[in-house]
N, C-alpha and C. Protein backbone atom coordinates (compact mmCIF):
# COMPACT_ATOMS: atom_id res chain seq x y z
N MET A 1 219.95 80.70 109.44
CA MET A 1 220.57 82.01 109.80
C MET A 1 219.61 83.18 109.65
N ILE A 2 219.52 84.25 110.63
CA ILE A 2 218.91 85.36 110.64
C ILE A 2 219.57 86.31 109.80
N ASN A 3 218.90 86.71 108.64
CA ASN A 3 219.38 87.57 107.76
C ASN A 3 218.98 88.93 108.12
N SER A 4 217.90 89.29 108.60
CA SER A 4 216.94 90.62 109.12
C SER A 4 215.94 90.45 109.80
N VAL A 5 215.85 91.54 110.51
CA VAL A 5 214.68 91.55 111.61
C VAL A 5 214.02 92.87 111.38
N LYS A 6 212.70 93.06 111.25
CA LYS A 6 211.76 94.14 111.62
C LYS A 6 210.50 93.92 112.27
N VAL A 7 210.27 95.13 112.98
CA VAL A 7 208.98 95.14 113.87
C VAL A 7 207.80 95.53 113.04
N GLU A 8 206.75 95.01 112.97
CA GLU A 8 205.77 95.33 112.30
C GLU A 8 205.17 96.81 112.86
N GLY A 9 204.88 97.86 112.12
CA GLY A 9 204.08 98.78 112.61
C GLY A 9 205.02 100.20 112.97
N VAL A 10 206.24 99.79 113.07
CA VAL A 10 207.15 100.78 113.40
C VAL A 10 208.38 100.82 112.26
N THR A 11 209.27 101.77 112.21
CA THR A 11 210.30 101.98 111.48
C THR A 11 211.46 102.24 112.37
N ILE A 12 212.09 100.91 112.59
CA ILE A 12 213.45 101.04 113.53
C ILE A 12 214.11 100.05 112.75
N ASN A 13 215.61 100.01 113.05
CA ASN A 13 216.64 99.04 112.57
C ASN A 13 217.12 98.19 113.68
N ALA A 14 217.32 97.00 113.45
CA ALA A 14 218.12 96.05 114.23
C ALA A 14 219.67 96.41 114.36
N VAL A 15 220.16 96.62 114.99
CA VAL A 15 221.67 97.05 115.12
C VAL A 15 222.44 95.77 115.52
N MET A 16 221.91 94.69 116.49
CA MET A 16 222.40 93.74 116.73
C MET A 16 221.41 92.53 117.10
N VAL A 17 221.86 91.24 116.54
CA VAL A 17 220.94 90.10 116.75
C VAL A 17 222.05 89.09 117.57
N ASN A 18 221.70 88.51 118.34
CA ASN A 18 222.52 87.54 119.10
C ASN A 18 221.47 86.39 119.52
N VAL A 19 221.34 85.39 118.98
CA VAL A 19 222.10 84.32 118.25
C VAL A 19 221.40 84.25 116.85
N VAL A 20 222.52 84.28 115.87
CA VAL A 20 222.37 84.76 114.23
C VAL A 20 221.95 83.12 113.90
N ILE A 21 222.55 82.14 114.12
CA ILE A 21 222.29 80.73 113.64
C ILE A 21 221.52 80.22 114.59
N LEU A 22 220.27 79.68 114.04
CA LEU A 22 219.20 79.05 114.87
C LEU A 22 219.34 77.42 114.74
N GLN A 23 219.09 76.92 115.89
CA GLN A 23 219.06 75.46 115.80
C GLN A 23 217.63 74.95 115.91
N PRO A 24 217.52 73.69 115.59
CA PRO A 24 216.27 72.83 115.69
C PRO A 24 215.61 73.17 117.17
N GLY A 25 214.38 73.28 117.19
CA GLY A 25 213.67 73.27 118.46
C GLY A 25 213.58 74.82 119.03
N GLN A 26 213.54 75.14 120.20
CA GLN A 26 213.24 76.45 120.84
C GLN A 26 214.54 77.25 120.90
N ASN A 27 214.56 78.51 120.55
CA ASN A 27 215.78 79.13 120.49
C ASN A 27 215.52 80.71 121.06
N SER A 28 216.37 81.23 121.92
CA SER A 28 216.39 82.47 122.59
C SER A 28 217.13 83.62 122.01
N ILE A 29 216.57 84.59 121.39
CA ILE A 29 217.29 85.61 120.56
C ILE A 29 216.94 86.77 121.38
N VAL A 30 218.22 87.69 121.35
CA VAL A 30 218.19 88.84 121.71
C VAL A 30 218.45 89.84 120.70
N ILE A 31 217.49 90.80 120.54
CA ILE A 31 217.51 91.68 119.31
C ILE A 31 217.78 93.16 119.91
N LYS A 32 218.72 93.89 119.33
CA LYS A 32 218.85 95.50 119.81
C LYS A 32 218.41 96.30 118.72
N PHE A 33 217.76 97.21 119.17
CA PHE A 33 217.07 98.14 118.18
C PHE A 33 217.63 99.61 118.20
N ASP A 34 217.70 100.17 117.11
CA ASP A 34 218.27 101.96 117.18
C ASP A 34 216.64 102.54 117.42
N ASN A 35 216.82 103.71 117.93
CA ASN A 35 215.42 104.84 118.01
C ASN A 35 214.41 103.78 118.77
N VAL A 36 214.73 103.44 119.88
CA VAL A 36 213.32 102.50 120.59
C VAL A 36 212.74 103.48 121.16
N SER A 37 212.69 104.75 121.07
CA SER A 37 211.54 105.70 121.63
C SER A 37 210.13 105.23 121.25
N GLN A 38 210.04 104.77 119.93
CA GLN A 38 208.66 104.14 119.43
C GLN A 38 208.01 103.07 120.11
N LEU A 39 208.75 102.25 121.00
CA LEU A 39 208.58 101.13 121.54
C LEU A 39 208.01 101.45 123.10
N ALA A 40 207.25 100.57 123.76
CA ALA A 40 206.98 100.69 125.17
C ALA A 40 207.36 99.52 125.94
N PRO A 41 207.98 99.73 126.98
CA PRO A 41 208.56 98.79 127.79
C PRO A 41 207.54 97.65 128.34
N GLY A 42 207.84 96.46 128.09
CA GLY A 42 206.67 95.41 128.66
C GLY A 42 205.70 95.13 127.43
N THR A 43 205.82 95.83 126.29
CA THR A 43 204.68 95.59 125.44
C THR A 43 205.22 94.62 124.30
N SER A 44 204.31 93.87 123.86
CA SER A 44 204.76 92.61 122.77
C SER A 44 204.23 93.27 121.45
N TYR A 45 205.20 92.98 120.67
CA TYR A 45 205.19 93.31 119.34
C TYR A 45 205.59 92.34 118.27
N LEU A 46 204.86 92.34 117.05
CA LEU A 46 204.92 91.12 115.91
C LEU A 46 206.16 91.47 115.16
N ILE A 47 207.21 90.70 115.14
CA ILE A 47 208.34 90.86 114.40
C ILE A 47 208.43 89.68 113.40
N THR A 48 209.01 90.22 112.22
CA THR A 48 209.29 89.43 111.16
C THR A 48 210.82 89.05 110.92
N LEU A 49 211.26 87.85 111.10
CA LEU A 49 212.38 87.31 110.80
C LEU A 49 212.75 86.94 109.52
N SER A 50 213.57 87.34 108.83
CA SER A 50 214.00 86.98 107.50
C SER A 50 215.19 85.96 107.64
N LEU A 51 214.90 84.88 107.40
CA LEU A 51 215.89 83.44 107.62
C LEU A 51 216.46 83.03 106.42
N LYS A 52 217.77 82.85 106.35
CA LYS A 52 218.40 81.92 105.07
C LYS A 52 218.54 80.75 105.55
N VAL A 53 217.90 79.85 104.55
CA VAL A 53 217.79 78.54 104.69
C VAL A 53 218.32 77.83 103.43
N GLY A 54 219.64 77.37 103.40
CA GLY A 54 220.06 77.08 102.26
C GLY A 54 220.40 78.28 101.17
N GLU A 55 219.66 77.99 100.03
CA GLU A 55 219.87 79.20 99.14
C GLU A 55 218.33 79.97 99.29
N LYS A 56 217.52 79.58 100.04
CA LYS A 56 216.20 80.32 100.13
C LYS A 56 216.02 81.35 101.35
N LEU A 57 215.44 82.40 101.11
CA LEU A 57 215.12 83.31 102.05
C LEU A 57 213.60 83.13 102.58
N ILE A 58 213.26 82.81 103.90
CA ILE A 58 211.90 82.80 104.09
C ILE A 58 211.65 83.67 105.44
N GLU A 59 210.29 84.10 105.55
CA GLU A 59 210.10 84.93 106.67
C GLU A 59 209.07 84.13 107.48
N VAL A 60 209.78 84.42 108.93
CA VAL A 60 208.79 83.69 110.02
C VAL A 60 208.51 85.07 110.97
N LYS A 61 207.22 84.97 111.25
CA LYS A 61 206.69 86.05 112.22
C LYS A 61 206.61 85.20 113.66
N ALA A 62 206.90 86.11 114.55
CA ALA A 62 206.99 85.79 115.85
C ALA A 62 206.64 86.99 116.78
N VAL A 63 206.32 86.72 117.97
CA VAL A 63 205.90 87.79 119.00
C VAL A 63 207.32 87.95 119.95
N ALA A 64 207.29 89.06 120.25
CA ALA A 64 208.62 89.53 120.97
C ALA A 64 208.24 90.57 122.04
N THR A 65 208.42 90.74 123.21
CA THR A 65 208.27 91.62 124.31
C THR A 65 209.56 92.71 124.28
N TYR A 66 209.29 93.83 124.53
CA TYR A 66 210.46 94.93 124.61
C TYR A 66 210.60 95.04 125.95
N GLN A 67 212.07 94.84 126.12
CA GLN A 67 212.40 94.83 127.66
C GLN A 67 213.98 95.98 127.25
N PRO A 68 213.79 97.20 128.12
CA PRO A 68 214.82 98.10 127.83
C PRO A 68 216.04 97.60 128.75
């Protein structure tokens, strides 16, 4: 389960995450942020997903492309 999302290097908040519960294998996730004026369309960003796995919180880094 996705607990939180942050974009490295900028201060913006995720306001919507669609798909919250991940399945084994490849997943497609749509994340909407507030104050996206700090992001450039078509640019890739390093994001950190905080995942709750059982009773543990783990962080997973991924690359995401901003698409307005």
